[in-house]
Every structure is written in C-alpha cells, then in structure tokens.
Amino acid sequence: MANHKSSLKRIRQEEKRRLHNRYYAKTMRNAVRKLRATTDKAQALEMYPSVQKALDKLAKINVIHANKAANLKSKLAKYIQKLG
C-alpha cells in the first residue's frame, strides 16, 4: 500500500484515467468492427469519416498510438474501395 498522500492521489487518478481510456478504446474498436461488418459501400462511406475522426482523436490524446490509427484508417479505406 502507498505511504504518501501523493501516491494515493496518483493511484486514484490513474484508475480514473484507465477507465476513461478503456471506454474510448472499446468504443473505437466497436466502430471499426461495425464498419468492417458492413457490406454496403454507400453505408461504409457514410460511416468512414466518423470512424476516422474517432481514430485521430484517440491518437491525439495517446489512447492509441498514432501509427496504429494510421494503419487502421488505411486498412479501412482499402476495405471500402474493395466493396462492390
């Protein structure tokens, strides 16, 4: 157990931040999963900007790495182009 007031506060802050990050990361994963499950090109094109925006925001606040966001956006764009 922590011995200092600052350590106890840090533990509280880290837990709060961890839960916040988990929520947004999970939301992002679900959005990507939903987009990949779409077989309609028009619907996928409609969803893509919001997913892209979410990825950029999470990369900006370091919930996910910037390269991971770039890779996901690239793969999703390729997927959308392949749709008939």
PDB file of N, CA and C in Angstrom:
ATOM      1  N   MET A   1       0.846  -1.192   0.000  1.00  0.00           N
ATOM      2  CA  MET A   1       0.000   0.000   0.000  1.00  0.00           C
ATOM      3  C   MET A   1       0.880   1.239   0.000  1.00  0.00           C
ATOM      4  N   ALA A   2       0.388   2.297  -0.614  1.00  0.00           N
ATOM      5  CA  ALA A   2       1.143   3.542  -0.729  1.00  0.00           C
ATOM      6  C   ALA A   2       1.306   4.195   0.634  1.00  0.00           C
ATOM      7  N   ASN A   3       2.434   4.861   0.800  1.00  0.00           N
ATOM      8  CA  ASN A   3       2.740   5.504   2.079  1.00  0.00           C
ATOM      9  C   ASN A   3       2.581   7.017   2.055  1.00  0.00           C
ATOM     10  N   HIS A   4       2.420   7.603   0.890  1.00  0.00           N
ATOM     11  CA  HIS A   4       2.351   9.060   0.781  1.00  0.00           C
ATOM     12  C   HIS A   4       1.003   9.497   0.226  1.00  0.00           C
ATOM     13  N   LYS A   5       0.580  10.687   0.640  1.00  0.00           N
ATOM     14  CA  LYS A   5      -0.688  11.225   0.144  1.00  0.00           C
ATOM     15  C   LYS A   5      -0.653  11.361  -1.374  1.00  0.00           C
ATOM     16  N   SER A   6       0.481  11.801  -1.886  1.00  0.00           N
ATOM     17  CA  SER A   6       0.592  11.999  -3.336  1.00  0.00           C
ATOM     18  C   SER A   6       0.490  10.674  -4.088  1.00  0.00           C
ATOM     19  N   SER A   7       1.010   9.603  -3.469  1.00  0.00           N
ATOM     20  CA  SER A   7       0.915   8.275  -4.094  1.00  0.00           C
ATOM     21  C   SER A   7      -0.528   7.800  -4.147  1.00  0.00           C
ATOM     22  N   LEU A   8      -1.253   8.050  -3.076  1.00  0.00           N
ATOM     23  CA  LEU A   8      -2.665   7.660  -3.038  1.00  0.00           C
ATOM     24  C   LEU A   8      -3.460   8.420  -4.087  1.00  0.00           C
ATOM     25  N   LYS A   9      -3.164   9.702  -4.222  1.00  0.00           N
ATOM     26  CA  LYS A   9      -3.853  10.520  -5.221  1.00  0.00           C
ATOM     27  C   LYS A   9      -3.512  10.031  -6.628  1.00  0.00           C
ATOM     28  N   ARG A  10      -2.247   9.724  -6.834  1.00  0.00           N
ATOM     29  CA  ARG A  10      -1.810   9.241  -8.148  1.00  0.00           C
ATOM     30  C   ARG A  10      -2.542   7.941  -8.514  1.00  0.00           C
ATOM     31  N   ILE A  11      -2.701   7.048  -7.537  1.00  0.00           N
ATOM     32  CA  ILE A  11      -3.416   5.791  -7.770  1.00  0.00           C
ATOM     33  C   ILE A  11      -4.856   6.065  -8.183  1.00  0.00           C
ATOM     34  N   ARG A  12      -5.516   7.011  -7.481  1.00  0.00           N
ATOM     35  CA  ARG A  12      -6.892   7.367  -7.828  1.00  0.00           C
ATOM     36  C   ARG A  12      -6.972   7.941  -9.239  1.00  0.00           C
ATOM     37  N   GLN A  13      -6.048   8.819  -9.572  1.00  0.00           N
ATOM     38  CA  GLN A  13      -6.049   9.456 -10.895  1.00  0.00           C
ATOM     39  C   GLN A  13      -5.807   8.433 -12.001  1.00  0.00           C
ATOM     40  N   GLU A  14      -4.860   7.535 -11.765  1.00  0.00           N
ATOM     41  CA  GLU A  14      -4.535   6.527 -12.783  1.00  0.00           C
ATOM     42  C   GLU A  14      -5.707   5.595 -13.048  1.00  0.00           C
ATOM     43  N   GLU A  15      -6.426   5.218 -12.001  1.00  0.00           N
ATOM     44  CA  GLU A  15      -7.579   4.341 -12.159  1.00  0.00           C
ATOM     45  C   GLU A  15      -8.670   5.037 -12.970  1.00  0.00           C
ATOM     46  N   LYS A  16      -8.913   6.292 -12.642  1.00  0.00           N
ATOM     47  CA  LYS A  16      -9.914   7.078 -13.347  1.00  0.00           C
ATOM     48  C   LYS A  16      -9.542   7.210 -14.831  1.00  0.00           C
ATOM     49  N   ARG A  17      -8.282   7.500 -15.093  1.00  0.00           N
ATOM     50  CA  ARG A  17      -7.785   7.661 -16.466  1.00  0.00           C
ATOM     51  C   ARG A  17      -7.846   6.335 -17.225  1.00  0.00           C
ATOM     52  N   ARG A  18      -7.515   5.245 -16.531  1.00  0.00           N
ATOM     53  CA  ARG A  18      -7.533   3.922 -17.154  1.00  0.00           C
ATOM     54  C   ARG A  18      -8.946   3.565 -17.622  1.00  0.00           C
ATOM     55  N   LEU A  19      -9.935   3.808 -16.769  1.00  0.00           N
ATOM     56  CA  LEU A  19     -11.317   3.511 -17.125  1.00  0.00           C
ATOM     57  C   LEU A  19     -11.789   4.390 -18.281  1.00  0.00           C
ATOM     58  N   HIS A  20     -11.395   5.650 -18.261  1.00  0.00           N
ATOM     59  CA  HIS A  20     -11.747   6.586 -19.330  1.00  0.00           C
ATOM     60  C   HIS A  20     -11.155   6.108 -20.654  1.00  0.00           C
ATOM     61  N   ASN A  21      -9.876   5.748 -20.633  1.00  0.00           N
ATOM     62  CA  ASN A  21      -9.207   5.286 -21.852  1.00  0.00           C
ATOM     63  C   ASN A  21      -9.810   3.979 -22.360  1.00  0.00           C
ATOM     64  N   ARG A  22     -10.129   3.073 -21.455  1.00  0.00           N
ATOM     65  CA  ARG A  22     -10.723   1.790 -21.843  1.00  0.00           C
ATOM     66  C   ARG A  22     -12.054   2.003 -22.541  1.00  0.00           C
ATOM     67  N   TYR A  23     -12.866   2.925 -22.014  1.00  0.00           N
ATOM     68  CA  TYR A  23     -14.174   3.194 -22.604  1.00  0.00           C
ATOM     69  C   TYR A  23     -14.012   3.676 -24.044  1.00  0.00           C
ATOM     70  N   TYR A  24     -13.148   4.657 -24.262  1.00  0.00           N
ATOM     71  CA  TYR A  24     -12.990   5.215 -25.601  1.00  0.00           C
ATOM     72  C   TYR A  24     -12.314   4.240 -26.558  1.00  0.00           C
ATOM     73  N   ALA A  25     -11.375   3.451 -26.074  1.00  0.00           N
ATOM     74  CA  ALA A  25     -10.713   2.460 -26.918  1.00  0.00           C
ATOM     75  C   ALA A  25     -11.713   1.385 -27.339  1.00  0.00           C
ATOM     76  N   LYS A  26     -12.561   0.951 -26.424  1.00  0.00           N
ATOM     77  CA  LYS A  26     -13.565  -0.066 -26.728  1.00  0.00           C
ATOM     78  C   LYS A  26     -14.593   0.479 -27.715  1.00  0.00           C
ATOM     79  N   THR A  27     -15.001   1.724 -27.532  1.00  0.00           N
ATOM     80  CA  THR A  27     -15.945   2.364 -28.443  1.00  0.00           C
ATOM     81  C   THR A  27     -15.361   2.418 -29.850  1.00  0.00           C
ATOM     82  N   MET A  28     -14.085   2.761 -29.934  1.00  0.00           N
ATOM     83  CA  MET A  28     -13.395   2.828 -31.219  1.00  0.00           C
ATOM     84  C   MET A  28     -13.324   1.446 -31.868  1.00  0.00           C
ATOM     85  N   ARG A  29     -12.981   0.428 -31.099  1.00  0.00           N
ATOM     86  CA  ARG A  29     -12.899  -0.932 -31.636  1.00  0.00           C
ATOM     87  C   ARG A  29     -14.253  -1.389 -32.168  1.00  0.00           C
ATOM     88  N   ASN A  30     -15.325  -1.061 -31.429  1.00  0.00           N
ATOM     89  CA  ASN A  30     -16.662  -1.436 -31.878  1.00  0.00           C
ATOM     90  C   ASN A  30     -17.029  -0.728 -33.174  1.00  0.00           C
ATOM     91  N   ALA A  31     -16.648   0.536 -33.304  1.00  0.00           N
ATOM     92  CA  ALA A  31     -16.947   1.293 -34.520  1.00  0.00           C
ATOM     93  C   ALA A  31     -16.205   0.692 -35.714  1.00  0.00           C
ATOM     94  N   VAL A  32     -14.943   0.322 -35.508  1.00  0.00           N
ATOM     95  CA  VAL A  32     -14.146  -0.296 -36.578  1.00  0.00           C
ATOM     96  C   VAL A  32     -14.755  -1.642 -36.955  1.00  0.00           C
ATOM     97  N   ARG A  33     -15.151  -2.417 -35.964  1.00  0.00           N
ATOM     98  CA  ARG A  33     -15.762  -3.727 -36.190  1.00  0.00           C
ATOM     99  C   ARG A  33     -17.067  -3.575 -36.982  1.00  0.00           C
ATOM    100  N   LYS A  34     -17.859  -2.587 -36.618  1.00  0.00           N
ATOM    101  CA  LYS A  34     -19.132  -2.344 -37.295  1.00  0.00           C
ATOM    102  C   LYS A  34     -18.892  -1.950 -38.755  1.00  0.00           C
ATOM    103  N   LEU A  35     -17.883  -1.121 -38.991  1.00  0.00           N
ATOM    104  CA  LEU A  35     -17.562  -0.708 -40.358  1.00  0.00           C
ATOM    105  C   LEU A  35     -17.089  -1.895 -41.183  1.00  0.00           C
ATOM    106  N   ARG A  36     -16.257  -2.746 -40.601  1.00  0.00           N
ATOM    107  CA  ARG A  36     -15.765  -3.926 -41.314  1.00  0.00           C
ATOM    108  C   ARG A  36     -16.882  -4.921 -41.616  1.00  0.00           C
ATOM    109  N   ALA A  37     -17.907  -4.939 -40.779  1.00  0.00           N
ATOM    110  CA  ALA A  37     -19.018  -5.867 -40.978  1.00  0.00           C
ATOM    111  C   ALA A  37     -19.966  -5.390 -42.076  1.00  0.00           C
ATOM    112  N   THR A  38     -19.854  -4.123 -42.441  1.00  0.00           N
ATOM    113  CA  THR A  38     -20.733  -3.559 -43.459  1.00  0.00           C
ATOM    114  C   THR A  38     -20.344  -4.072 -44.840  1.00  0.00           C
ATOM    115  N   THR A  39     -21.345  -4.467 -45.609  1.00  0.00           N
ATOM    116  CA  THR A  39     -21.083  -4.938 -46.968  1.00  0.00           C
ATOM    117  C   THR A  39     -21.589  -3.940 -48.010  1.00  0.00           C
ATOM    118  N   ASP A  40     -22.303  -2.915 -47.573  1.00  0.00           N
ATOM    119  CA  ASP A  40     -22.822  -1.896 -48.474  1.00  0.00           C
ATOM    120  C   ASP A  40     -21.825  -0.736 -48.562  1.00  0.00           C
ATOM    121  N   LYS A  41     -21.350  -0.437 -49.782  1.00  0.00           N
ATOM    122  CA  LYS A  41     -20.325   0.585 -49.975  1.00  0.00           C
ATOM    123  C   LYS A  41     -20.810   1.970 -49.556  1.00  0.00           C
ATOM    124  N   ALA A  42     -22.039   2.318 -49.904  1.00  0.00           N
ATOM    125  CA  ALA A  42     -22.572   3.643 -49.565  1.00  0.00           C
ATOM    126  C   ALA A  42     -22.638   3.843 -48.056  1.00  0.00           C
ATOM    127  N   GLN A  43     -23.071   2.814 -47.370  1.00  0.00           N
ATOM    128  CA  GLN A  43     -23.163   2.885 -45.906  1.00  0.00           C
ATOM    129  C   GLN A  43     -21.769   2.979 -45.291  1.00  0.00           C
ATOM    130  N   ALA A  44     -20.817   2.225 -45.830  1.00  0.00           N
ATOM    131  CA  ALA A  44     -19.443   2.250 -45.324  1.00  0.00           C
ATOM    132  C   ALA A  44     -18.822   3.630 -45.537  1.00  0.00           C
ATOM    133  N   LEU A  45     -19.066   4.222 -46.711  1.00  0.00           N
ATOM    134  CA  LEU A  45     -18.546   5.570 -46.996  1.00  0.00           C
ATOM    135  C   LEU A  45     -19.140   6.604 -46.049  1.00  0.00           C
ATOM    136  N   GLU A  46     -20.378   6.378 -45.654  1.00  0.00           N
ATOM    137  CA  GLU A  46     -21.050   7.285 -44.726  1.00  0.00           C
ATOM    138  C   GLU A  46     -20.458   7.162 -43.314  1.00  0.00           C
ATOM    139  N   MET A  47     -20.097   5.945 -42.916  1.00  0.00           N
ATOM    140  CA  MET A  47     -19.560   5.690 -41.578  1.00  0.00           C
ATOM    141  C   MET A  47     -18.091   6.084 -41.448  1.00  0.00           C
ATOM    142  N   TYR A  48     -17.349   5.995 -42.546  1.00  0.00           N
ATOM    143  CA  TYR A  48     -15.889   6.157 -42.504  1.00  0.00           C
ATOM    144  C   TYR A  48     -15.421   7.480 -41.883  1.00  0.00           C
ATOM    145  N   PRO A  49     -15.999   8.642 -42.239  1.00  0.00           N
ATOM    146  CA  PRO A  49     -15.492   9.895 -41.644  1.00  0.00           C
ATOM    147  C   PRO A  49     -15.588   9.939 -40.120  1.00  0.00           C
ATOM    148  N   SER A  50     -16.661   9.400 -39.550  1.00  0.00           N
ATOM    149  CA  SER A  50     -16.793   9.430 -38.094  1.00  0.00           C
ATOM    150  C   SER A  50     -15.786   8.497 -37.431  1.00  0.00           C
ATOM    151  N   VAL A  51     -15.534   7.337 -38.052  1.00  0.00           N
ATOM    152  CA  VAL A  51     -14.541   6.399 -37.513  1.00  0.00           C
ATOM    153  C   VAL A  51     -13.149   7.018 -37.615  1.00  0.00           C
ATOM    154  N   GLN A  52     -12.879   7.652 -38.737  1.00  0.00           N
ATOM    155  CA  GLN A  52     -11.581   8.306 -38.953  1.00  0.00           C
ATOM    156  C   GLN A  52     -11.362   9.402 -37.917  1.00  0.00           C
ATOM    157  N   LYS A  53     -12.398  10.184 -37.659  1.00  0.00           N
ATOM    158  CA  LYS A  53     -12.311  11.263 -36.680  1.00  0.00           C
ATOM    159  C   LYS A  53     -12.022  10.713 -35.280  1.00  0.00           C
ATOM    160  N   ALA A  54     -12.699   9.620 -34.924  1.00  0.00           N
ATOM    161  CA  ALA A  54     -12.507   8.999 -33.615  1.00  0.00           C
ATOM    162  C   ALA A  54     -11.074   8.483 -33.476  1.00  0.00           C
ATOM    163  N   LEU A  55     -10.563   7.846 -34.530  1.00  0.00           N
ATOM    164  CA  LEU A  55      -9.191   7.336 -34.501  1.00  0.00           C
ATOM    165  C   LEU A  55      -8.187   8.474 -34.315  1.00  0.00           C
ATOM    166  N   ASP A  56      -8.395   9.557 -35.038  1.00  0.00           N
ATOM    167  CA  ASP A  56      -7.492  10.710 -34.930  1.00  0.00           C
ATOM    168  C   ASP A  56      -7.511  11.309 -33.533  1.00  0.00           C
ATOM    169  N   LYS A  57      -8.701  11.410 -32.957  1.00  0.00           N
ATOM    170  CA  LYS A  57      -8.815  11.978 -31.613  1.00  0.00           C
ATOM    171  C   LYS A  57      -8.109  11.100 -30.575  1.00  0.00           C
ATOM    172  N   LEU A  58      -8.288   9.788 -30.695  1.00  0.00           N
ATOM    173  CA  LEU A  58      -7.656   8.883 -29.738  1.00  0.00           C
ATOM    174  C   LEU A  58      -6.141   8.883 -29.889  1.00  0.00           C
ATOM    175  N   ALA A  59      -5.670   9.033 -31.122  1.00  0.00           N
ATOM    176  CA  ALA A  59      -4.225   9.105 -31.332  1.00  0.00           C
ATOM    177  C   ALA A  59      -3.680  10.405 -30.743  1.00  0.00           C
ATOM    178  N   LYS A  60      -4.453  11.471 -30.874  1.00  0.00           N
ATOM    179  CA  LYS A  60      -4.024  12.780 -30.389  1.00  0.00           C
ATOM    180  C   LYS A  60      -3.850  12.787 -28.866  1.00  0.00           C
ATOM    181  N   ILE A  61      -4.744  12.074 -28.160  1.00  0.00           N
ATOM    182  CA  ILE A  61      -4.665  12.051 -26.695  1.00  0.00           C
ATOM    183  C   ILE A  61      -3.944  10.808 -26.174  1.00  0.00           C
ATOM    184  N   ASN A  62      -3.260  10.101 -27.076  1.00  0.00           N
ATOM    185  CA  ASN A  62      -2.415   8.949 -26.729  1.00  0.00           C
ATOM    186  C   ASN A  62      -3.148   7.772 -26.100  1.00  0.00           C
ATOM    187  N   VAL A  63      -4.406   7.576 -26.474  1.00  0.00           N
ATOM    188  CA  VAL A  63      -5.099   6.361 -26.054  1.00  0.00           C
ATOM    189  C   VAL A  63      -4.604   5.217 -26.933  1.00  0.00           C
ATOM    190  N   ILE A  64      -4.424   5.510 -28.230  1.00  0.00           N
ATOM    191  CA  ILE A  64      -3.785   4.558 -29.137  1.00  0.00           C
ATOM    192  C   ILE A  64      -2.607   5.268 -29.797  1.00  0.00           C
ATOM    193  N   HIS A  65      -1.691   4.509 -30.322  1.00  0.00           N
ATOM    194  CA  HIS A  65      -0.514   5.080 -30.978  1.00  0.00           C
ATOM    195  C   HIS A  65      -0.913   5.686 -32.321  1.00  0.00           C
ATOM    196  N   ALA A  66      -0.245   6.745 -32.710  1.00  0.00           N
ATOM    197  CA  ALA A  66      -0.549   7.436 -33.968  1.00  0.00           C
ATOM    198  C   ALA A  66      -0.402   6.501 -35.169  1.00  0.00           C
ATOM    199  N   ASN A  67       0.604   5.621 -35.133  1.00  0.00           N
ATOM    200  CA  ASN A  67       0.809   4.692 -36.246  1.00  0.00           C
ATOM    201  C   ASN A  67      -0.325   3.673 -36.325  1.00  0.00           C
ATOM    202  N   LYS A  68      -0.838   3.259 -35.173  1.00  0.00           N
ATOM    203  CA  LYS A  68      -1.963   2.316 -35.163  1.00  0.00           C
ATOM    204  C   LYS A  68      -3.183   2.966 -35.806  1.00  0.00           C
ATOM    205  N   ALA A  69      -3.424   4.224 -35.481  1.00  0.00           N
ATOM    206  CA  ALA A  69      -4.550   4.946 -36.075  1.00  0.00           C
ATOM    207  C   ALA A  69      -4.377   5.039 -37.588  1.00  0.00           C
ATOM    208  N   ALA A  70      -3.173   5.357 -38.027  1.00  0.00           N
ATOM    209  CA  ALA A  70      -2.894   5.470 -39.461  1.00  0.00           C
ATOM    210  C   ALA A  70      -3.092   4.129 -40.159  1.00  0.00           C
ATOM    211  N   ASN A  71      -2.611   3.059 -39.539  1.00  0.00           N
ATOM    212  CA  ASN A  71      -2.763   1.719 -40.121  1.00  0.00           C
ATOM    213  C   ASN A  71      -4.234   1.325 -40.236  1.00  0.00           C
ATOM    214  N   LEU A  72      -5.002   1.589 -39.194  1.00  0.00           N
ATOM    215  CA  LEU A  72      -6.423   1.252 -39.219  1.00  0.00           C
ATOM    216  C   LEU A  72      -7.160   2.043 -40.292  1.00  0.00           C
ATOM    217  N   LYS A  73      -6.875   3.346 -40.375  1.00  0.00           N
ATOM    218  CA  LYS A  73      -7.533   4.181 -41.387  1.00  0.00           C
ATOM    219  C   LYS A  73      -7.198   3.680 -42.791  1.00  0.00           C
ATOM    220  N   SER A  74      -5.947   3.326 -43.002  1.00  0.00           N
ATOM    221  CA  SER A  74      -5.509   2.839 -44.305  1.00  0.00           C
ATOM    222  C   SER A  74      -6.221   1.540 -44.665  1.00  0.00           C
ATOM    223  N   LYS A  75      -6.260   0.611 -43.726  1.00  0.00           N
ATOM    224  CA  LYS A  75      -6.897  -0.677 -43.981  1.00  0.00           C
ATOM    225  C   LYS A  75      -8.397  -0.525 -44.222  1.00  0.00           C
ATOM    226  N   LEU A  76      -9.029   0.377 -43.475  1.00  0.00           N
ATOM    227  CA  LEU A  76     -10.467   0.594 -43.668  1.00  0.00           C
ATOM    228  C   LEU A  76     -10.732   1.236 -45.029  1.00  0.00           C
ATOM    229  N   ALA A  77      -9.891   2.156 -45.435  1.00  0.00           N
ATOM    230  CA  ALA A  77     -10.053   2.800 -46.749  1.00  0.00           C
ATOM    231  C   ALA A  77      -9.910   1.764 -47.861  1.00  0.00           C
ATOM    232  N   LYS A  78      -8.928   0.873 -47.711  1.00  0.00           N
ATOM    233  CA  LYS A  78      -8.739  -0.204 -48.695  1.00  0.00           C
ATOM    234  C   LYS A  78      -9.968  -1.103 -48.745  1.00  0.00           C
ATOM    235  N   TYR A  79     -10.496  -1.434 -47.570  1.00  0.00           N
ATOM    236  CA  TYR A  79     -11.668  -2.294 -47.471  1.00  0.00           C
ATOM    237  C   TYR A  79     -12.858  -1.661 -48.184  1.00  0.00           C
ATOM    238  N   ILE A  80     -13.052  -0.369 -47.967  1.00  0.00           N
ATOM    239  CA  ILE A  80     -14.175   0.341 -48.584  1.00  0.00           C
ATOM    240  C   ILE A  80     -14.025   0.362 -50.104  1.00  0.00           C
ATOM    241  N   GLN A  81     -12.793   0.541 -50.595  1.00  0.00           N
ATOM    242  CA  GLN A  81     -12.560   0.560 -52.035  1.00  0.00           C
ATOM    243  C   GLN A  81     -12.861  -0.786 -52.680  1.00  0.00           C
ATOM    244  N   LYS A  82     -12.627  -1.871 -51.942  1.00  0.00           N
ATOM    245  CA  LYS A  82     -12.879  -3.212 -52.467  1.00  0.00           C
ATOM    246  C   LYS A  82     -14.362  -3.540 -52.571  1.00  0.00           C
ATOM    247  N   LEU A  83     -15.177  -2.877 -51.721  1.00  0.00           N
ATOM    248  CA  LEU A  83     -16.609  -3.167 -51.727  1.00  0.00           C
ATOM    249  C   LEU A  83     -17.210  -2.850 -53.091  1.00  0.00           C
ATOM    250  N   GLY A  84     -18.150  -3.683 -53.514  1.00  0.00           N
ATOM    251  CA  GLY A  84     -18.752  -3.518 -54.828  1.00  0.00           C
ATOM    252  C   GLY A  84     -19.911  -2.670 -54.842  1.00  0.00           C
TER     253      GLY A  84
END
